[in-house]
Amino acid sequence: MRAIDAMSDEQGATDSVRREDSNGRMDGRPPFSVFLSGVMQGSNADTSLHAQDYRQQLRDIISAEHPEAEVVCPAELNPDSVAYDNEAARRAFMGELDLAAETDVLVAYAPVATMGTAVEMYRAHAAGRLVFTVSPMATNWAIRFLSTRVFADLAEFEEFVREGKLGRTVASRAG
């Protein structure tokens, strides 16, 4: 069973669960899941990776305002993926695509063209999920047509989250 499955009842509906926050107060916000999509290898022809520090930045931005959110990070699920053999890599890639379609929200970080991110965005979009993309490439068709909203940079996304707009958008979809 995947971690996000624990957030659903047998019918797949999201629970409105009261949770205790870090200060011991009860938080009545319903939990939601977020998939962190983003460039890993990009156009690199070898096994080198782009810097992955954006993943922790995104996690921090989301968790600060939404401690009830489950943040799913494929880089954490498959930390040695560049060394996988073909079968393990295929299982990981296909599993990540399934997760992208199952989570409530996909946040894509695409400072450069990234095929894996585009496929994850497509799967989430096709499944009717919210897709928020951080990218300077707002005219790129994959980014333009698969995103619920595009942010020029992390600071703009952070402002959106801190203003409560992420939570309101998720809540409007759930209701």
C-alpha atoms as a PDB file:
ATOM      1  CA  MET A   1       0.000   0.000   0.000  1.00  0.00           C
ATOM      2  CA  ARG A   2       1.339   3.427  -0.919  1.00  0.00           C
ATOM      3  CA  ALA A   3       1.588   6.125   1.715  1.00  0.00           C
ATOM      4  CA  ILE A   4      -1.088   8.234   0.021  1.00  0.00           C
ATOM      5  CA  ASP A   5      -3.564   5.348   0.184  1.00  0.00           C
ATOM      6  CA  ALA A   6      -3.693   5.769   3.962  1.00  0.00           C
ATOM      7  CA  MET A   7      -5.362   9.148   3.431  1.00  0.00           C
ATOM      8  CA  SER A   8      -8.430   7.636   1.782  1.00  0.00           C
ATOM      9  CA  ASP A   9     -11.300   5.533   2.935  1.00  0.00           C
ATOM     10  CA  GLU A  10     -12.413   2.395   1.080  1.00  0.00           C
ATOM     11  CA  GLN A  11     -14.312   4.477  -1.478  1.00  0.00           C
ATOM     12  CA  GLY A  12     -11.268   6.655  -2.209  1.00  0.00           C
ATOM     13  CA  ALA A  13     -12.749   9.813  -0.712  1.00  0.00           C
ATOM     14  CA  THR A  14     -10.451  12.124   1.197  1.00  0.00           C
ATOM     15  CA  ASP A  15     -11.156  12.184   4.929  1.00  0.00           C
ATOM     16  CA  SER A  16     -11.659  15.360   6.910  1.00  0.00           C
ATOM     17  CA  VAL A  17      -9.448  14.387   9.781  1.00  0.00           C
ATOM     18  CA  ARG A  18      -8.672  16.536  12.760  1.00  0.00           C
ATOM     19  CA  ARG A  19      -4.930  16.499  13.359  1.00  0.00           C
ATOM     20  CA  GLU A  20      -2.781  17.920  16.068  1.00  0.00           C
ATOM     21  CA  ASP A  21      -0.294  20.556  14.910  1.00  0.00           C
ATOM     22  CA  SER A  22       3.236  20.998  16.279  1.00  0.00           C
ATOM     23  CA  ASN A  23       1.879  23.226  19.068  1.00  0.00           C
ATOM     24  CA  GLY A  24      -0.637  20.609  20.223  1.00  0.00           C
ATOM     25  CA  ARG A  25      -3.633  22.416  18.708  1.00  0.00           C
ATOM     26  CA  MET A  26      -6.206  20.539  16.674  1.00  0.00           C
ATOM     27  CA  ASP A  27      -6.205  21.405  12.997  1.00  0.00           C
ATOM     28  CA  GLY A  28      -9.438  20.577  11.170  1.00  0.00           C
ATOM     29  CA  ARG A  29      -8.085  21.016   7.641  1.00  0.00           C
ATOM     30  CA  PRO A  30      -8.508  17.931   5.479  1.00  0.00           C
ATOM     31  CA  PRO A  31      -5.231  16.343   4.439  1.00  0.00           C
ATOM     32  CA  PHE A  32      -4.112  16.410   0.818  1.00  0.00           C
ATOM     33  CA  SER A  33      -1.171  14.989  -1.052  1.00  0.00           C
ATOM     34  CA  VAL A  34       1.405  16.823  -3.143  1.00  0.00           C
ATOM     35  CA  PHE A  35       3.762  15.219  -5.672  1.00  0.00           C
ATOM     36  CA  LEU A  36       7.050  17.093  -6.178  1.00  0.00           C
ATOM     37  CA  SER A  37       7.864  16.810  -9.853  1.00  0.00           C
ATOM     38  CA  GLY A  38      10.896  18.441 -11.382  1.00  0.00           C
ATOM     39  CA  VAL A  39      14.048  18.275 -13.390  1.00  0.00           C
ATOM     40  CA  MET A  40      16.464  15.520 -12.429  1.00  0.00           C
ATOM     41  CA  GLN A  41      18.623  14.676 -15.435  1.00  0.00           C
ATOM     42  CA  GLY A  42      17.038  17.110 -17.872  1.00  0.00           C
ATOM     43  CA  SER A  43      19.024  17.097 -21.105  1.00  0.00           C
ATOM     44  CA  ASN A  44      22.149  15.633 -19.527  1.00  0.00           C
ATOM     45  CA  ALA A  45      23.480  12.831 -21.728  1.00  0.00           C
ATOM     46  CA  ASP A  46      25.191  11.135 -18.784  1.00  0.00           C
ATOM     47  CA  THR A  47      23.931  10.156 -15.338  1.00  0.00           C
ATOM     48  CA  SER A  48      24.606  13.541 -13.730  1.00  0.00           C
ATOM     49  CA  LEU A  49      21.718  15.308 -12.048  1.00  0.00           C
ATOM     50  CA  HIS A  50      20.674  18.922 -11.858  1.00  0.00           C
ATOM     51  CA  ALA A  51      20.785  20.394  -8.363  1.00  0.00           C
ATOM     52  CA  GLN A  52      17.901  18.965  -6.333  1.00  0.00           C
ATOM     53  CA  ASP A  53      17.814  21.581  -3.534  1.00  0.00           C
ATOM     54  CA  TYR A  54      14.557  22.944  -4.963  1.00  0.00           C
ATOM     55  CA  ARG A  55      12.791  19.849  -3.627  1.00  0.00           C
ATOM     56  CA  GLN A  56      13.484  20.777   0.002  1.00  0.00           C
ATOM     57  CA  GLN A  57      12.561  24.397  -0.737  1.00  0.00           C
ATOM     58  CA  LEU A  58       9.201  23.292  -2.150  1.00  0.00           C
ATOM     59  CA  ARG A  59       8.624  20.929   0.772  1.00  0.00           C
ATOM     60  CA  ASP A  60       9.401  23.749   3.242  1.00  0.00           C
ATOM     61  CA  ILE A  61       7.105  26.222   1.447  1.00  0.00           C
ATOM     62  CA  ILE A  62       4.192  23.771   1.394  1.00  0.00           C
ATOM     63  CA  SER A  63       4.710  22.352   4.900  1.00  0.00           C
ATOM     64  CA  ALA A  64       4.979  25.788   6.522  1.00  0.00           C
ATOM     65  CA  GLU A  65       1.425  26.649   5.501  1.00  0.00           C
ATOM     66  CA  HIS A  66       0.032  23.116   5.202  1.00  0.00           C
ATOM     67  CA  PRO A  67       1.464  20.736   7.788  1.00  0.00           C
ATOM     68  CA  GLU A  68      -1.506  18.469   7.005  1.00  0.00           C
ATOM     69  CA  ALA A  69      -0.237  17.910   3.461  1.00  0.00           C
ATOM     70  CA  GLU A  70       1.607  14.730   2.593  1.00  0.00           C
ATOM     71  CA  VAL A  71       4.500  15.641   0.323  1.00  0.00           C
ATOM     72  CA  VAL A  72       5.641  12.833  -1.980  1.00  0.00           C
ATOM     73  CA  CYS A  73       9.103  13.208  -3.504  1.00  0.00           C
ATOM     74  CA  PRO A  74      10.245  10.741  -6.181  1.00  0.00           C
ATOM     75  CA  ALA A  75      13.906  11.601  -5.552  1.00  0.00           C
ATOM     76  CA  GLU A  76      13.445  10.428  -1.961  1.00  0.00           C
ATOM     77  CA  LEU A  77      11.554   7.309  -3.045  1.00  0.00           C
ATOM     78  CA  ASN A  78      14.339   6.365  -5.486  1.00  0.00           C
ATOM     79  CA  PRO A  79      17.547   8.047  -4.284  1.00  0.00           C
ATOM     80  CA  ASP A  80      19.881   5.910  -6.424  1.00  0.00           C
ATOM     81  CA  SER A  81      17.723   5.830  -9.542  1.00  0.00           C
ATOM     82  CA  VAL A  82      20.493   6.807 -11.981  1.00  0.00           C
ATOM     83  CA  ALA A  83      22.268   3.545 -11.060  1.00  0.00           C
ATOM     84  CA  TYR A  84      19.172   1.338 -11.543  1.00  0.00           C
ATOM     85  CA  ASP A  85      19.174  -1.386 -14.179  1.00  0.00           C
ATOM     86  CA  ASN A  86      16.527  -1.100 -16.903  1.00  0.00           C
ATOM     87  CA  GLU A  87      13.880  -3.124 -15.083  1.00  0.00           C
ATOM     88  CA  ALA A  88      14.262  -1.273 -11.770  1.00  0.00           C
ATOM     89  CA  ALA A  89      14.309   2.071 -13.619  1.00  0.00           C
ATOM     90  CA  ARG A  90      11.149   1.157 -15.554  1.00  0.00           C
ATOM     91  CA  ARG A  91       9.324   0.130 -12.341  1.00  0.00           C
ATOM     92  CA  ALA A  92      10.405   3.343 -10.611  1.00  0.00           C
ATOM     93  CA  PHE A  93       9.416   5.570 -13.553  1.00  0.00           C
ATOM     94  CA  MET A  94       6.025   3.936 -14.060  1.00  0.00           C
ATOM     95  CA  GLY A  95       5.359   3.957 -10.320  1.00  0.00           C
ATOM     96  CA  GLU A  96       6.176   7.649 -10.141  1.00  0.00           C
ATOM     97  CA  LEU A  97       3.797   8.335 -13.023  1.00  0.00           C
ATOM     98  CA  ASP A  98       1.065   6.513 -11.121  1.00  0.00           C
ATOM     99  CA  LEU A  99       1.802   8.576  -8.007  1.00  0.00           C
ATOM    100  CA  ALA A 100       1.660  11.774 -10.063  1.00  0.00           C
ATOM    101  CA  ALA A 101      -1.852  10.803 -11.192  1.00  0.00           C
ATOM    102  CA  GLU A 102      -2.987   9.726  -7.700  1.00  0.00           C
ATOM    103  CA  THR A 103      -1.913  12.696  -5.608  1.00  0.00           C
ATOM    104  CA  ASP A 104      -4.208  15.696  -5.226  1.00  0.00           C
ATOM    105  CA  VAL A 105      -1.644  18.262  -6.383  1.00  0.00           C
ATOM    106  CA  LEU A 106       1.452  18.079  -8.559  1.00  0.00           C
ATOM    107  CA  VAL A 107       4.011  20.849  -8.172  1.00  0.00           C
ATOM    108  CA  ALA A 108       6.409  20.852 -11.120  1.00  0.00           C
ATOM    109  CA  TYR A 109       9.775  22.617 -11.073  1.00  0.00           C
ATOM    110  CA  ALA A 110      10.985  23.112 -14.640  1.00  0.00           C
ATOM    111  CA  PRO A 111      13.689  25.764 -14.998  1.00  0.00           C
ATOM    112  CA  VAL A 112      14.754  23.892 -18.166  1.00  0.00           C
ATOM    113  CA  ALA A 113      13.015  21.421 -20.452  1.00  0.00           C
ATOM    114  CA  THR A 114      12.481  18.128 -18.654  1.00  0.00           C
ATOM    115  CA  MET A 115      10.776  15.199 -20.322  1.00  0.00           C
ATOM    116  CA  GLY A 116      10.067  13.227 -17.147  1.00  0.00           C
ATOM    117  CA  THR A 117       8.425  16.255 -15.567  1.00  0.00           C
ATOM    118  CA  ALA A 118       6.321  16.821 -18.695  1.00  0.00           C
ATOM    119  CA  VAL A 119       5.059  13.223 -18.587  1.00  0.00           C
ATOM    120  CA  GLU A 120       4.270  13.499 -14.863  1.00  0.00           C
ATOM    121  CA  MET A 121       2.422  16.757 -15.542  1.00  0.00           C
ATOM    122  CA  TYR A 122       0.442  15.082 -18.296  1.00  0.00           C
ATOM    123  CA  ARG A 123      -0.536  12.135 -16.096  1.00  0.00           C
ATOM    124  CA  ALA A 124      -1.677  14.458 -13.288  1.00  0.00           C
ATOM    125  CA  HIS A 125      -3.552  16.723 -15.701  1.00  0.00           C
ATOM    126  CA  ALA A 126      -5.252  13.770 -17.430  1.00  0.00           C
ATOM    127  CA  ALA A 127      -6.327  12.479 -14.001  1.00  0.00           C
ATOM    128  CA  GLY A 128      -7.956  15.831 -13.217  1.00  0.00           C
ATOM    129  CA  ARG A 129      -5.373  16.839 -10.602  1.00  0.00           C
ATOM    130  CA  LEU A 130      -4.141  20.334  -9.864  1.00  0.00           C
ATOM    131  CA  VAL A 131      -0.824  21.078 -11.578  1.00  0.00           C
ATOM    132  CA  PHE A 132       1.171  24.070 -10.358  1.00  0.00           C
ATOM    133  CA  THR A 133       4.335  24.715 -12.348  1.00  0.00           C
ATOM    134  CA  VAL A 134       7.354  26.827 -11.424  1.00  0.00           C
ATOM    135  CA  SER A 135       9.064  27.705 -14.688  1.00  0.00           C
ATOM    136  CA  PRO A 136      10.258  30.667 -16.729  1.00  0.00           C
ATOM    137  CA  MET A 137       8.987  28.833 -19.848  1.00  0.00           C
ATOM    138  CA  ALA A 138       5.347  29.919 -19.616  1.00  0.00           C
ATOM    139  CA  THR A 139       4.927  29.850 -23.410  1.00  0.00           C
ATOM    140  CA  ASN A 140       6.058  26.200 -23.704  1.00  0.00           C
ATOM    141  CA  TRP A 141       2.961  24.249 -24.693  1.00  0.00           C
ATOM    142  CA  ALA A 142       3.402  21.434 -22.171  1.00  0.00           C
ATOM    143  CA  ILE A 143       3.760  23.961 -19.372  1.00  0.00           C
ATOM    144  CA  ARG A 144       1.070  26.263 -20.701  1.00  0.00           C
ATOM    145  CA  PHE A 145      -1.629  23.678 -21.356  1.00  0.00           C
ATOM    146  CA  LEU A 146      -1.015  21.140 -18.592  1.00  0.00           C
ATOM    147  CA  SER A 147      -0.712  23.629 -15.715  1.00  0.00           C
ATOM    148  CA  THR A 148      -3.478  24.912 -13.515  1.00  0.00           C
ATOM    149  CA  ARG A 149      -1.192  27.886 -12.913  1.00  0.00           C
ATOM    150  CA  VAL A 150       2.394  28.811 -13.818  1.00  0.00           C
ATOM    151  CA  PHE A 151       4.772  30.695 -11.498  1.00  0.00           C
ATOM    152  CA  ALA A 152       7.887  32.436 -12.798  1.00  0.00           C
ATOM    153  CA  ASP A 153       9.997  31.382  -9.815  1.00  0.00           C
ATOM    154  CA  LEU A 154       9.945  29.832  -6.344  1.00  0.00           C
ATOM    155  CA  ALA A 155       9.326  33.213  -4.677  1.00  0.00           C
ATOM    156  CA  GLU A 156       6.109  33.693  -6.663  1.00  0.00           C
ATOM    157  CA  PHE A 157       4.944  30.161  -5.757  1.00  0.00           C
ATOM    158  CA  GLU A 158       5.793  30.768  -2.097  1.00  0.00           C
ATOM    159  CA  GLU A 159       3.688  33.937  -2.060  1.00  0.00           C
ATOM    160  CA  PHE A 160       0.753  31.993  -3.559  1.00  0.00           C
ATOM    161  CA  VAL A 161       1.023  29.353  -0.833  1.00  0.00           C
ATOM    162  CA  ARG A 162       1.527  31.844   2.040  1.00  0.00           C
ATOM    163  CA  GLU A 163      -1.506  33.840   0.938  1.00  0.00           C
ATOM    164  CA  GLY A 164      -3.582  30.669   1.406  1.00  0.00           C
ATOM    165  CA  LYS A 165      -4.342  30.264  -2.282  1.00  0.00           C
ATOM    166  CA  LEU A 166      -3.023  26.719  -2.509  1.00  0.00           C
ATOM    167  CA  GLY A 167      -5.291  25.590   0.308  1.00  0.00           C
ATOM    168  CA  ARG A 168      -8.299  27.429  -1.097  1.00  0.00           C
ATOM    169  CA  THR A 169      -7.735  25.932  -4.545  1.00  0.00           C
ATOM    170  CA  VAL A 170      -7.448  22.409  -3.124  1.00  0.00           C
ATOM    171  CA  ALA A 171     -10.534  22.946  -0.951  1.00  0.00           C
ATOM    172  CA  SER A 172     -12.573  24.257  -3.906  1.00  0.00           C
ATOM    173  CA  ARG A 173     -11.754  21.081  -5.840  1.00  0.00           C
ATOM    174  CA  ALA A 174     -12.647  18.831  -2.918  1.00  0.00           C
ATOM    175  CA  GLY A 175     -15.992  20.477  -2.298  1.00  0.00           C
END
